Amino acid sequence: APVFAEERYSARLAENNAAGALVLTVRATDADWGQNARVRYRLAEGRVRGAPLSSYVSVQAETG
């Protein structure tokens, strides 16, 4: 199973962050070889003030 570099990640950001601004970087590795060692990232869908979380933030699936 993938192992994250940190047990827990947390970020604080300014209220008026520019669109596309970096908020947080996470890192995980997998001890498998080749394609089985590939780690992909995604956000679990949630809601913020009634709007989908994905309307506020996104994640780069390949890089975290």
Protein backbone atom coordinates (compact mmCIF):
# COMPACT_ATOMS: atom_id res chain seq x y z
CA ALA A 1 0.00 0.00 0.00
CA PRO A 2 1.18 3.58 -0.60
CA VAL A 3 2.84 5.30 2.36
CA PHE A 4 2.53 9.06 2.82
CA ALA A 5 5.57 11.10 3.85
CA GLU A 6 3.54 12.66 6.68
CA GLU A 7 0.89 11.04 8.86
CA ARG A 8 -1.35 14.11 8.60
CA TYR A 9 -1.31 17.16 6.33
CA SER A 10 -2.68 20.58 7.18
CA ALA A 11 -2.69 23.92 5.38
CA ARG A 12 -3.80 27.46 6.05
CA LEU A 13 -4.35 29.92 3.27
CA ALA A 14 -5.30 33.52 2.78
CA GLU A 15 -8.96 34.28 2.22
CA ASN A 16 -8.31 35.94 -1.14
CA ASN A 17 -5.87 33.44 -2.63
CA ALA A 18 -5.40 33.80 -6.38
CA ALA A 19 -6.97 31.13 -8.57
CA GLY A 20 -4.44 28.40 -9.26
CA ALA A 21 -2.30 29.17 -6.20
CA LEU A 22 -0.53 26.23 -4.58
CA VAL A 23 -2.13 25.34 -1.25
CA LEU A 24 -0.39 22.15 -0.18
CA THR A 25 1.83 19.40 -1.56
CA VAL A 26 1.51 15.81 -0.37
CA ARG A 27 3.86 12.92 -1.12
CA ALA A 28 3.39 9.17 -1.06
CA THR A 29 5.51 6.27 -2.25
CA ASP A 30 4.74 2.65 -2.99
CA ALA A 31 7.36 -0.09 -2.57
CA ASP A 32 6.02 -2.09 -5.55
CA TRP A 33 7.77 -2.13 -8.94
CA GLY A 34 6.79 -0.58 -12.25
CA GLN A 35 3.14 0.25 -12.85
CA ASN A 36 2.16 -1.17 -9.44
CA ALA A 37 4.34 1.46 -7.75
CA ARG A 38 2.41 4.30 -9.40
CA VAL A 39 0.60 6.58 -6.96
CA ARG A 40 -2.34 8.73 -8.08
CA TYR A 41 -4.02 11.37 -5.95
CA ARG A 42 -7.61 12.58 -5.77
CA LEU A 43 -9.83 14.50 -3.37
CA ALA A 44 -12.77 12.83 -1.72
CA GLU A 45 -15.77 14.89 -2.74
CA GLY A 46 -17.19 17.04 0.01
CA ARG A 47 -19.17 20.25 0.26
CA VAL A 48 -18.26 23.74 1.47
CA ARG A 49 -21.19 26.03 2.23
CA GLY A 50 -23.35 23.88 -0.04
CA ALA A 51 -20.97 23.96 -3.03
CA PRO A 52 -18.85 21.00 -4.15
CA LEU A 53 -15.31 21.01 -2.73
CA SER A 54 -14.04 20.64 -6.31
CA SER A 55 -15.34 24.14 -7.09
CA TYR A 56 -12.76 25.52 -4.61
CA VAL A 57 -9.70 23.26 -4.96
CA SER A 58 -8.27 20.65 -7.26
CA VAL A 59 -5.44 18.13 -7.10
CA GLN A 60 -2.89 17.14 -9.69
CA ALA A 61 -3.44 13.38 -9.90
CA GLU A 62 0.14 12.56 -10.90
CA THR A 63 2.08 14.85 -8.55
CA GLY A 64 -0.12 15.43 -5.51
